[in-house]
Structure formats: C-alpha cells, structure tokens
Amino acid sequence: MSDLNSSEKRKLERLFGMGSGYVLTFSNRTFSEFVEESVRRDIYDVRYDHGSGSKANRLRGFWAAEPNSLVGKLIGDLIEYGKDIDAFTNDGTLPEECLKIVARLKLASPVADIDALIAVADDRDFETLAAHVREAIETNQPEAGLDRLHTFVIKFVRLLCEARGITITREKPLHSLFGEYVKRLREDDQLESEMTARILKSAISVLEAFNDVRNNQSLAHDNPILNYDESLLIFNHVASSVKFIRTLEDKLKRQRQHAEAAAVSNDDIPF
C-alpha cells in the first residue's frame, strides 16, 4: 500500500474534485479506460472497493491497495490530464504541490535494484538498450520489456567474459557464458563463501529458463506474453544479480588498482 499521508490526500482530493464522488471530468467508462492505459489496472476490480464505490472512492481504494510507485504514476498522469483540459485554472499552486507528492512517491520502484540496469561500457547501443529496459519498469510494463532485458543481460555477461579472457561465440547461449564466468570467479578465489558460489551457480539454470521466456513468452516474437507478476519477479531477480556482480567487479577492480599502485611505489624505493 502507498504511504500517502492525510495532508497529501487532502491536497489530491481538492485538486481532482473528489468531494462530490467524481474524479475530474471522467465518466465510469472513461475513468476505467484511463486507469487501464496509465497503470494497467482495472479500477473496478474488487481490490479497490471502498465506501460507496464511486470513482473518488475507487481512487481512494487504489491509493490504499497499491504501492507508491504505481500510485505516483497514476496521480502524475491524472495531473497531466487535468492540465490538458484546463481543470486547474483556479487552483493556484495546488497542482505544483501535488506534483511534489508524485515526485516523492516515484522515488520507490517495483524493482528495487533498477538503477543497476545501466550500460557498463561506453557503447551507444548498450546505453539505448538499458534506457528501454528501465522505461519498461518506469511505465509499469515489465512484461513488455522482457526481450530487451534478455538482450541487456547478454551484453552484460559478454563484457564480463571478455574482461576475463573467456572465449565468446554467437553459438554460446547466455547460461553457458555465465557458467564460465562463475567458474572463473571460483578458480580465482574471488568469492568468500560457498553460499555465494551456489547462488551464482543457481543463476545459470535461471538464465537458461530466461532463454525460453525470451523466445516463447516475450515480444521478441509473436507470443502470448508472460503475466505481469512473474515478469516483475524476473526483473527483480535479474536486477539484484546484476547489482551484486557490478559491486563485486568494482571491488576487484579497486583491489587491482591498489596492488598496481603499491607495486609502482615499491619500484621507486632505492636500494
């Protein structure tokens, strides 16, 4: 559920004219269509039953049932809609105050480690791909971004393998490449616990399953796409794994740099 406080709710209710049971100028049908387009939710689902069931009460029910990120997305879109129809001409600074509420809510994301999904090389294609992956989460459409997430992970893992001298061919599937990367980490004693090694090894079979999702349950082909909740689970798992690996690689890079600096310093000592 969102953590809108009483003051924020009062401001939003005033802005959207909810005191009368309405929300802006929406009819039942247009309100349903708007919410579906904005956040891919059915506002007339029983989850949002609240009070009399009016549009205003259903929006209150939505605030109570959904997380900050989703509530922030819908409120932001409602504000933009209100601006388009000049609904706020007499509301002074209230729209701007409500946009600040939106900004606070949007600090939360349904994918906790989404910021880890950025390009790790100075590559325009990689940067564009990463932006599309994050956009799928920002617009609350993880199922529409699975194919791009898969491509992102392939690029990411190939870069990891290249840096460690692991041979890369187009015939090697994603899970095989990642398996060789994990094997190299273990051979070089760069994992401190057996549990970490096992978690990473389990990711090999997860990535093998991801190949099937990409080919048969994503927009990569003419497929019936995977449902929202399972798509979100995949995004969270992948983002968490990428974050850990990036953190590990950054730590190892710093260790190498310190070792190289120490070696240079020792070479400068006269004997």
C-alpha atoms as a PDB file:
ATOM      1  CA  MET A   1       0.000   0.000   0.000  1.00  0.00           C
ATOM      2  CA  SER A   2       1.099   3.583  -0.569  1.00  0.00           C
ATOM      3  CA  ASP A   3       2.173   5.784   2.318  1.00  0.00           C
ATOM      4  CA  LEU A   4       0.226   8.894   1.328  1.00  0.00           C
ATOM      5  CA  ASN A   5      -0.337  10.913   4.493  1.00  0.00           C
ATOM      6  CA  SER A   6      -3.544  12.763   5.410  1.00  0.00           C
ATOM      7  CA  SER A   7      -2.258  16.148   4.246  1.00  0.00           C
ATOM      8  CA  GLU A   8      -1.232  14.769   0.860  1.00  0.00           C
ATOM      9  CA  LYS A   9      -4.569  13.022   0.399  1.00  0.00           C
ATOM     10  CA  ARG A  10      -6.455  16.257   1.159  1.00  0.00           C
ATOM     11  CA  LYS A  11      -4.452  18.142  -1.461  1.00  0.00           C
ATOM     12  CA  LEU A  12      -5.022  15.478  -4.093  1.00  0.00           C
ATOM     13  CA  GLU A  13      -8.733  15.233  -3.325  1.00  0.00           C
ATOM     14  CA  ARG A  14      -9.102  19.001  -3.699  1.00  0.00           C
ATOM     15  CA  LEU A  15      -7.179  19.014  -6.955  1.00  0.00           C
ATOM     16  CA  PHE A  16      -9.226  16.209  -8.510  1.00  0.00           C
ATOM     17  CA  GLY A  17     -12.577  17.451  -7.130  1.00  0.00           C
ATOM     18  CA  MET A  18     -13.222  14.214  -5.281  1.00  0.00           C
ATOM     19  CA  GLY A  19     -15.530  15.671  -2.637  1.00  0.00           C
ATOM     20  CA  SER A  20     -18.539  15.092  -4.873  1.00  0.00           C
ATOM     21  CA  GLY A  21     -17.623  11.472  -5.605  1.00  0.00           C
ATOM     22  CA  TYR A  22     -16.225  12.278  -9.034  1.00  0.00           C
ATOM     23  CA  VAL A  23     -12.646  12.416 -10.334  1.00  0.00           C
ATOM     24  CA  LEU A  24     -12.084  15.374 -12.669  1.00  0.00           C
ATOM     25  CA  THR A  25     -14.458  15.035 -15.657  1.00  0.00           C
ATOM     26  CA  PHE A  26     -14.365  11.235 -16.018  1.00  0.00           C
ATOM     27  CA  SER A  27     -17.372   9.043 -16.584  1.00  0.00           C
ATOM     28  CA  ASN A  28     -17.233   5.478 -15.266  1.00  0.00           C
ATOM     29  CA  ARG A  29     -16.161   4.232 -18.684  1.00  0.00           C
ATOM     30  CA  THR A  30     -13.526   6.877 -19.396  1.00  0.00           C
ATOM     31  CA  PHE A  31     -12.108   6.576 -15.870  1.00  0.00           C
ATOM     32  CA  SER A  32     -11.748   2.821 -16.319  1.00  0.00           C
ATOM     33  CA  GLU A  33     -10.051   3.307 -19.700  1.00  0.00           C
ATOM     34  CA  PHE A  34      -7.719   5.977 -18.326  1.00  0.00           C
ATOM     35  CA  VAL A  35      -6.544   3.854 -15.383  1.00  0.00           C
ATOM     36  CA  GLU A  36      -6.049   0.839 -17.637  1.00  0.00           C
ATOM     37  CA  GLU A  37      -3.907   2.880 -20.024  1.00  0.00           C
ATOM     38  CA  SER A  38      -1.933   4.551 -17.231  1.00  0.00           C
ATOM     39  CA  VAL A  39      -1.094   1.659 -14.898  1.00  0.00           C
ATOM     40  CA  ARG A  40      -2.672  -1.420 -16.499  1.00  0.00           C
ATOM     41  CA  ARG A  41      -5.105  -1.948 -13.661  1.00  0.00           C
ATOM     42  CA  ASP A  42      -8.893  -2.455 -13.620  1.00  0.00           C
ATOM     43  CA  ILE A  43     -10.146   0.288 -11.305  1.00  0.00           C
ATOM     44  CA  TYR A  44     -13.408  -1.660 -10.911  1.00  0.00           C
ATOM     45  CA  ASP A  45     -11.610  -4.706  -9.533  1.00  0.00           C
ATOM     46  CA  VAL A  46     -12.825  -5.761  -6.067  1.00  0.00           C
ATOM     47  CA  ARG A  47      -9.411  -4.829  -4.644  1.00  0.00           C
ATOM     48  CA  TYR A  48     -10.399  -1.179  -4.971  1.00  0.00           C
ATOM     49  CA  ASP A  49     -13.855  -1.482  -3.409  1.00  0.00           C
ATOM     50  CA  HIS A  50     -14.121   1.414  -0.979  1.00  0.00           C
ATOM     51  CA  GLY A  51     -17.097   3.131   0.570  1.00  0.00           C
ATOM     52  CA  SER A  52     -19.878   3.751  -1.923  1.00  0.00           C
ATOM     53  CA  GLY A  53     -17.828   2.551  -4.892  1.00  0.00           C
ATOM     54  CA  SER A  54     -17.877   5.972  -6.572  1.00  0.00           C
ATOM     55  CA  LYS A  55     -14.982   6.992  -8.802  1.00  0.00           C
ATOM     56  CA  ALA A  56     -13.494   9.032  -5.965  1.00  0.00           C
ATOM     57  CA  ASN A  57     -13.815   6.137  -3.546  1.00  0.00           C
ATOM     58  CA  ARG A  58     -12.282   3.731  -6.042  1.00  0.00           C
ATOM     59  CA  LEU A  59      -9.310   6.070  -6.404  1.00  0.00           C
ATOM     60  CA  ARG A  60      -9.013   6.118  -2.605  1.00  0.00           C
ATOM     61  CA  GLY A  61      -9.147   2.316  -2.694  1.00  0.00           C
ATOM     62  CA  PHE A  62      -6.370   2.314  -5.271  1.00  0.00           C
ATOM     63  CA  TRP A  63      -4.230   4.508  -3.016  1.00  0.00           C
ATOM     64  CA  ALA A  64      -4.771   2.073  -0.153  1.00  0.00           C
ATOM     65  CA  ALA A  65      -4.061  -1.097  -2.163  1.00  0.00           C
ATOM     66  CA  GLU A  66      -1.180  -0.225  -4.479  1.00  0.00           C
ATOM     67  CA  PRO A  67       2.490   0.648  -3.819  1.00  0.00           C
ATOM     68  CA  ASN A  68       3.975   4.147  -4.013  1.00  0.00           C
ATOM     69  CA  SER A  69       5.409   3.714  -7.493  1.00  0.00           C
ATOM     70  CA  LEU A  70       2.076   2.745  -9.043  1.00  0.00           C
ATOM     71  CA  VAL A  71       0.106   5.382  -7.123  1.00  0.00           C
ATOM     72  CA  GLY A  72       2.624   8.037  -8.157  1.00  0.00           C
ATOM     73  CA  LYS A  73       2.351   7.021 -11.813  1.00  0.00           C
ATOM     74  CA  LEU A  74      -1.464   7.266 -11.840  1.00  0.00           C
ATOM     75  CA  ILE A  75      -1.575  10.553  -9.923  1.00  0.00           C
ATOM     76  CA  GLY A  76       1.017  12.073 -12.247  1.00  0.00           C
ATOM     77  CA  ASP A  77      -0.980  11.025 -15.307  1.00  0.00           C
ATOM     78  CA  LEU A  78      -4.187  12.406 -13.767  1.00  0.00           C
ATOM     79  CA  ILE A  79      -2.476  15.750 -13.189  1.00  0.00           C
ATOM     80  CA  GLU A  80      -1.298  15.856 -16.802  1.00  0.00           C
ATOM     81  CA  TYR A  81      -4.828  15.030 -17.954  1.00  0.00           C
ATOM     82  CA  GLY A  82      -6.230  17.810 -15.770  1.00  0.00           C
ATOM     83  CA  LYS A  83      -3.780  20.297 -17.255  1.00  0.00           C
ATOM     84  CA  ASP A  84      -4.793  19.283 -20.771  1.00  0.00           C
ATOM     85  CA  ILE A  85      -8.453  20.030 -20.073  1.00  0.00           C
ATOM     86  CA  ASP A  86      -7.670  23.215 -18.104  1.00  0.00           C
ATOM     87  CA  ALA A  87      -9.193  21.742 -14.937  1.00  0.00           C
ATOM     88  CA  PHE A  88      -6.776  23.539 -12.614  1.00  0.00           C
ATOM     89  CA  THR A  89      -7.093  27.175 -13.744  1.00  0.00           C
ATOM     90  CA  ASN A  90      -8.346  28.324 -10.302  1.00  0.00           C
ATOM     91  CA  ASP A  91      -6.196  26.100  -8.116  1.00  0.00           C
ATOM     92  CA  GLY A  92      -3.176  28.376  -7.691  1.00  0.00           C
ATOM     93  CA  THR A  93      -0.075  26.444  -6.629  1.00  0.00           C
ATOM     94  CA  LEU A  94      -2.003  23.270  -5.770  1.00  0.00           C
ATOM     95  CA  PRO A  95      -1.003  21.411  -8.985  1.00  0.00           C
ATOM     96  CA  GLU A  96       2.681  22.098  -8.283  1.00  0.00           C
ATOM     97  CA  GLU A  97       2.268  20.945  -4.672  1.00  0.00           C
ATOM     98  CA  CYS A  98       0.670  17.729  -5.900  1.00  0.00           C
ATOM     99  CA  LEU A  99       3.479  17.166  -8.407  1.00  0.00           C
ATOM    100  CA  LYS A 100       5.873  17.217  -5.453  1.00  0.00           C
ATOM    101  CA  ILE A 101       3.812  14.406  -3.945  1.00  0.00           C
ATOM    102  CA  VAL A 102       4.175  12.494  -7.220  1.00  0.00           C
ATOM    103  CA  ALA A 103       7.953  13.002  -7.175  1.00  0.00           C
ATOM    104  CA  ARG A 104       8.160  11.601  -3.645  1.00  0.00           C
ATOM    105  CA  LEU A 105       6.047   8.566  -4.493  1.00  0.00           C
ATOM    106  CA  LYS A 106       8.062   7.810  -7.615  1.00  0.00           C
ATOM    107  CA  LEU A 107      11.262   7.518  -5.604  1.00  0.00           C
ATOM    108  CA  ALA A 108      10.044   3.994  -4.876  1.00  0.00           C
ATOM    109  CA  SER A 109      10.277   1.429  -7.675  1.00  0.00           C
ATOM    110  CA  PRO A 110       8.680  -2.014  -8.082  1.00  0.00           C
ATOM    111  CA  VAL A 111      12.198  -3.207  -8.971  1.00  0.00           C
ATOM    112  CA  ALA A 112      14.418  -2.389  -6.012  1.00  0.00           C
ATOM    113  CA  ASP A 113      17.725  -2.508  -7.918  1.00  0.00           C
ATOM    114  CA  ILE A 114      16.543  -0.983 -11.197  1.00  0.00           C
ATOM    115  CA  ASP A 115      19.413   1.552 -11.083  1.00  0.00           C
ATOM    116  CA  ALA A 116      21.840  -1.339 -11.594  1.00  0.00           C
ATOM    117  CA  LEU A 117      20.487  -1.858 -15.114  1.00  0.00           C
ATOM    118  CA  ILE A 118      22.691   0.708 -16.822  1.00  0.00           C
ATOM    119  CA  ALA A 119      25.306   0.351 -19.536  1.00  0.00           C
ATOM    120  CA  VAL A 120      28.693  -0.713 -18.167  1.00  0.00           C
ATOM    121  CA  ALA A 121      30.580   0.290 -21.292  1.00  0.00           C
ATOM    122  CA  ASP A 122      30.794   3.417 -23.407  1.00  0.00           C
ATOM    123  CA  ASP A 123      28.534   1.976 -26.064  1.00  0.00           C
ATOM    124  CA  ARG A 124      25.613   3.937 -27.514  1.00  0.00           C
ATOM    125  CA  ASP A 125      23.642   0.786 -28.361  1.00  0.00           C
ATOM    126  CA  PHE A 126      24.124  -0.552 -24.836  1.00  0.00           C
ATOM    127  CA  GLU A 127      23.050   2.786 -23.322  1.00  0.00           C
ATOM    128  CA  THR A 128      19.927   2.899 -25.510  1.00  0.00           C
ATOM    129  CA  LEU A 129      19.077  -0.696 -24.624  1.00  0.00           C
ATOM    130  CA  ALA A 130      19.488  -0.026 -20.886  1.00  0.00           C
ATOM    131  CA  ALA A 131      17.232   3.038 -21.151  1.00  0.00           C
ATOM    132  CA  HIS A 132      14.492   0.942 -22.789  1.00  0.00           C
ATOM    133  CA  VAL A 133      14.810  -1.692 -20.062  1.00  0.00           C
ATOM    134  CA  ARG A 134      14.363   0.910 -17.306  1.00  0.00           C
ATOM    135  CA  GLU A 135      11.499   2.526 -19.216  1.00  0.00           C
ATOM    136  CA  ALA A 136       9.566  -0.756 -19.088  1.00  0.00           C
ATOM    137  CA  ILE A 137       9.619  -0.508 -15.281  1.00  0.00           C
ATOM    138  CA  GLU A 138       9.001   3.235 -15.128  1.00  0.00           C
ATOM    139  CA  THR A 139       5.833   2.730 -17.214  1.00  0.00           C
ATOM    140  CA  ASN A 140       4.880  -0.357 -15.177  1.00  0.00           C
ATOM    141  CA  GLN A 141       5.064  -2.740 -18.146  1.00  0.00           C
ATOM    142  CA  PRO A 142       7.697  -5.331 -17.168  1.00  0.00           C
ATOM    143  CA  GLU A 143       6.124  -7.963 -19.415  1.00  0.00           C
ATOM    144  CA  ALA A 144       6.722  -5.683 -22.412  1.00  0.00           C
ATOM    145  CA  GLY A 145      10.426  -5.343 -21.558  1.00  0.00           C
ATOM    146  CA  LEU A 146      11.444  -8.980 -21.097  1.00  0.00           C
ATOM    147  CA  ASP A 147      13.025  -9.321 -24.540  1.00  0.00           C
ATOM    148  CA  ARG A 148      15.117  -6.177 -24.031  1.00  0.00           C
ATOM    149  CA  LEU A 149      16.085  -7.292 -20.525  1.00  0.00           C
ATOM    150  CA  HIS A 150      17.331 -10.579 -22.017  1.00  0.00           C
ATOM    151  CA  THR A 151      19.409  -8.693 -24.604  1.00  0.00           C
ATOM    152  CA  PHE A 152      20.770  -6.432 -21.841  1.00  0.00           C
ATOM    153  CA  VAL A 153      21.889  -9.448 -19.812  1.00  0.00           C
ATOM    154  CA  ILE A 154      23.593 -10.986 -22.862  1.00  0.00           C
ATOM    155  CA  LYS A 155      25.583  -7.783 -23.450  1.00  0.00           C
ATOM    156  CA  PHE A 156      26.417  -7.523 -19.758  1.00  0.00           C
ATOM    157  CA  VAL A 157      27.626 -11.122 -19.439  1.00  0.00           C
ATOM    158  CA  ARG A 158      29.647 -10.949 -22.662  1.00  0.00           C
ATOM    159  CA  LEU A 159      31.508  -7.914 -21.340  1.00  0.00           C
ATOM    160  CA  LEU A 160      32.234  -9.772 -18.094  1.00  0.00           C
ATOM    161  CA  CYS A 161      33.599 -12.723 -20.064  1.00  0.00           C
ATOM    162  CA  GLU A 162      35.680 -10.559 -22.387  1.00  0.00           C
ATOM    163  CA  ALA A 163      37.359  -8.899 -19.411  1.00  0.00           C
ATOM    164  CA  ARG A 164      38.390 -12.342 -18.109  1.00  0.00           C
ATOM    165  CA  GLY A 165      39.608 -13.727 -21.410  1.00  0.00           C
ATOM    166  CA  ILE A 166      36.709 -16.149 -21.818  1.00  0.00           C
ATOM    167  CA  THR A 167      36.052 -17.067 -25.453  1.00  0.00           C
ATOM    168  CA  ILE A 168      32.782 -15.686 -26.775  1.00  0.00           C
ATOM    169  CA  THR A 169      30.946 -17.023 -29.814  1.00  0.00           C
ATOM    170  CA  ARG A 170      27.436 -16.405 -31.093  1.00  0.00           C
ATOM    171  CA  GLU A 171      26.724 -20.096 -30.627  1.00  0.00           C
ATOM    172  CA  LYS A 172      27.283 -19.952 -26.853  1.00  0.00           C
ATOM    173  CA  PRO A 173      23.954 -19.376 -25.095  1.00  0.00           C
ATOM    174  CA  LEU A 174      23.612 -16.942 -22.227  1.00  0.00           C
ATOM    175  CA  HIS A 175      23.613 -19.526 -19.440  1.00  0.00           C
ATOM    176  CA  SER A 176      26.773 -21.200 -20.764  1.00  0.00           C
ATOM    177  CA  LEU A 177      28.650 -17.902 -20.828  1.00  0.00           C
ATOM    178  CA  PHE A 178      27.553 -17.076 -17.309  1.00  0.00           C
ATOM    179  CA  GLY A 179      28.550 -20.565 -16.170  1.00  0.00           C
ATOM    180  CA  GLU A 180      32.089 -19.994 -17.458  1.00  0.00           C
ATOM    181  CA  TYR A 181      32.198 -16.617 -15.712  1.00  0.00           C
ATOM    182  CA  VAL A 182      31.162 -18.125 -12.357  1.00  0.00           C
ATOM    183  CA  LYS A 183      33.701 -20.928 -12.805  1.00  0.00           C
ATOM    184  CA  ARG A 184      36.432 -18.334 -13.352  1.00  0.00           C
ATOM    185  CA  LEU A 185      35.417 -16.466 -10.205  1.00  0.00           C
ATOM    186  CA  ARG A 186      35.752 -19.670  -8.196  1.00  0.00           C
ATOM    187  CA  GLU A 187      39.056 -20.624  -9.786  1.00  0.00           C
ATOM    188  CA  ASP A 188      40.476 -17.210  -8.906  1.00  0.00           C
ATOM    189  CA  ASP A 189      39.199 -17.442  -5.291  1.00  0.00           C
ATOM    190  CA  GLN A 190      37.160 -14.262  -5.706  1.00  0.00           C
ATOM    191  CA  LEU A 191      34.116 -15.497  -3.785  1.00  0.00           C
ATOM    192  CA  GLU A 192      34.341 -15.590   0.000  1.00  0.00           C
ATOM    193  CA  SER A 193      31.514 -18.021   0.758  1.00  0.00           C
ATOM    194  CA  GLU A 194      30.276 -21.289  -0.654  1.00  0.00           C
ATOM    195  CA  MET A 195      26.732 -19.955  -0.364  1.00  0.00           C
ATOM    196  CA  THR A 196      27.523 -17.071  -2.744  1.00  0.00           C
ATOM    197  CA  ALA A 197      29.001 -19.557  -5.204  1.00  0.00           C
ATOM    198  CA  ARG A 198      25.880 -21.706  -5.003  1.00  0.00           C
ATOM    199  CA  ILE A 199      23.570 -18.738  -5.504  1.00  0.00           C
ATOM    200  CA  LEU A 200      25.508 -17.737  -8.614  1.00  0.00           C
ATOM    201  CA  LYS A 201      25.528 -21.326  -9.879  1.00  0.00           C
ATOM    202  CA  SER A 202      21.750 -21.474  -9.455  1.00  0.00           C
ATOM    203  CA  ALA A 203      21.554 -18.369 -11.647  1.00  0.00           C
ATOM    204  CA  ILE A 204      22.950 -20.459 -14.523  1.00  0.00           C
ATOM    205  CA  SER A 205      19.775 -22.564 -14.692  1.00  0.00           C
ATOM    206  CA  VAL A 206      17.673 -19.425 -14.159  1.00  0.00           C
ATOM    207  CA  LEU A 207      19.273 -17.805 -17.206  1.00  0.00           C
ATOM    208  CA  GLU A 208      18.698 -20.979 -19.214  1.00  0.00           C
ATOM    209  CA  ALA A 209      14.988 -20.655 -18.381  1.00  0.00           C
ATOM    210  CA  PHE A 210      15.187 -16.965 -19.331  1.00  0.00           C
ATOM    211  CA  ASN A 211      16.141 -18.020 -22.859  1.00  0.00           C
ATOM    212  CA  ASP A 212      12.836 -19.875 -23.111  1.00  0.00           C
ATOM    213  CA  VAL A 213      10.874 -16.916 -21.709  1.00  0.00           C
ATOM    214  CA  ARG A 214      12.514 -14.597 -24.229  1.00  0.00           C
ATOM    215  CA  ASN A 215      11.736 -16.895 -27.152  1.00  0.00           C
ATOM    216  CA  ASN A 216       8.236 -18.023 -26.182  1.00  0.00           C
ATOM    217  CA  GLN A 217       6.738 -15.530 -23.695  1.00  0.00           C
ATOM    218  CA  SER A 218       8.017 -12.094 -24.707  1.00  0.00           C
ATOM    219  CA  LEU A 219       7.552  -9.589 -27.505  1.00  0.00           C
ATOM    220  CA  ALA A 220      10.679 -10.922 -29.222  1.00  0.00           C
ATOM    221  CA  HIS A 221       8.275 -12.988 -31.328  1.00  0.00           C
ATOM    222  CA  ASP A 222       4.533 -13.268 -31.887  1.00  0.00           C
ATOM    223  CA  ASN A 223       3.920 -14.794 -28.467  1.00  0.00           C
ATOM    224  CA  PRO A 224       1.317 -14.703 -25.718  1.00  0.00           C
ATOM    225  CA  ILE A 225       3.414 -12.699 -23.251  1.00  0.00           C
ATOM    226  CA  LEU A 226       4.133 -13.646 -19.643  1.00  0.00           C
ATOM    227  CA  ASN A 227       1.890 -12.200 -16.940  1.00  0.00           C
ATOM    228  CA  TYR A 228       2.737  -9.018 -15.032  1.00  0.00           C
ATOM    229  CA  ASP A 229       3.646 -10.527 -11.644  1.00  0.00           C
ATOM    230  CA  GLU A 230       6.013 -13.175 -12.994  1.00  0.00           C
ATOM    231  CA  SER A 231       7.609 -10.623 -15.324  1.00  0.00           C
ATOM    232  CA  LEU A 232       8.205  -8.358 -12.326  1.00  0.00           C
ATOM    233  CA  LEU A 233       9.782 -11.263 -10.433  1.00  0.00           C
ATOM    234  CA  ILE A 234      12.188 -11.855 -13.344  1.00  0.00           C
ATOM    235  CA  PHE A 235      13.120  -8.170 -13.452  1.00  0.00           C
ATOM    236  CA  ASN A 236      13.796  -8.125  -9.702  1.00  0.00           C
ATOM    237  CA  HIS A 237      15.903 -11.290  -9.812  1.00  0.00           C
ATOM    238  CA  VAL A 238      17.967 -10.109 -12.773  1.00  0.00           C
ATOM    239  CA  ALA A 239      18.459  -6.584 -11.368  1.00  0.00           C
ATOM    240  CA  SER A 240      19.541  -7.981  -7.993  1.00  0.00           C
ATOM    241  CA  SER A 241      22.057 -10.326  -9.642  1.00  0.00           C
ATOM    242  CA  VAL A 242      23.441  -7.573 -11.879  1.00  0.00           C
ATOM    243  CA  LYS A 243      23.829  -5.262  -8.882  1.00  0.00           C
ATOM    244  CA  PHE A 244      25.799  -7.885  -6.934  1.00  0.00           C
ATOM    245  CA  ILE A 245      28.091  -8.677  -9.870  1.00  0.00           C
ATOM    246  CA  ARG A 246      28.744  -4.992 -10.588  1.00  0.00           C
ATOM    247  CA  THR A 247      29.568  -4.430  -6.913  1.00  0.00           C
ATOM    248  CA  LEU A 248      31.889  -7.445  -6.922  1.00  0.00           C
ATOM    249  CA  GLU A 249      33.660  -6.373 -10.114  1.00  0.00           C
ATOM    250  CA  ASP A 250      34.097  -2.815  -8.813  1.00  0.00           C
ATOM    251  CA  LYS A 251      35.650  -4.167  -5.602  1.00  0.00           C
ATOM    252  CA  LEU A 252      38.028  -6.416  -7.541  1.00  0.00           C
ATOM    253  CA  LYS A 253      38.965  -3.520  -9.818  1.00  0.00           C
ATOM    254  CA  ARG A 254      39.852  -1.343  -6.808  1.00  0.00           C
ATOM    255  CA  GLN A 255      41.937  -4.160  -5.352  1.00  0.00           C
ATOM    256  CA  ARG A 256      43.886  -4.492  -8.611  1.00  0.00           C
ATOM    257  CA  GLN A 257      44.447  -0.743  -8.776  1.00  0.00           C
ATOM    258  CA  HIS A 258      45.736  -0.664  -5.181  1.00  0.00           C
ATOM    259  CA  ALA A 259      48.048  -3.601  -5.890  1.00  0.00           C
ATOM    260  CA  GLU A 260      49.384  -1.930  -9.034  1.00  0.00           C
ATOM    261  CA  ALA A 261      49.942   1.352  -7.194  1.00  0.00           C
ATOM    262  CA  ALA A 262      51.770  -0.454  -4.403  1.00  0.00           C
ATOM    263  CA  ALA A 263      53.980  -2.232  -6.941  1.00  0.00           C
ATOM    264  CA  VAL A 264      54.902   1.074  -8.622  1.00  0.00           C
ATOM    265  CA  SER A 265      55.646   2.603  -5.229  1.00  0.00           C
ATOM    266  CA  ASN A 266      57.962  -0.275  -4.318  1.00  0.00           C
ATOM    267  CA  ASP A 267      59.785   0.065  -7.638  1.00  0.00           C
ATOM    268  CA  ASP A 268      60.590   3.689  -6.760  1.00  0.00           C
ATOM    269  CA  ILE A 269      62.347   2.767  -3.498  1.00  0.00           C
ATOM    270  CA  PRO A 270      66.158   2.987  -3.994  1.00  0.00           C
ATOM    271  CA  PHE A 271      68.283   0.149  -2.598  1.00  0.00           C
END
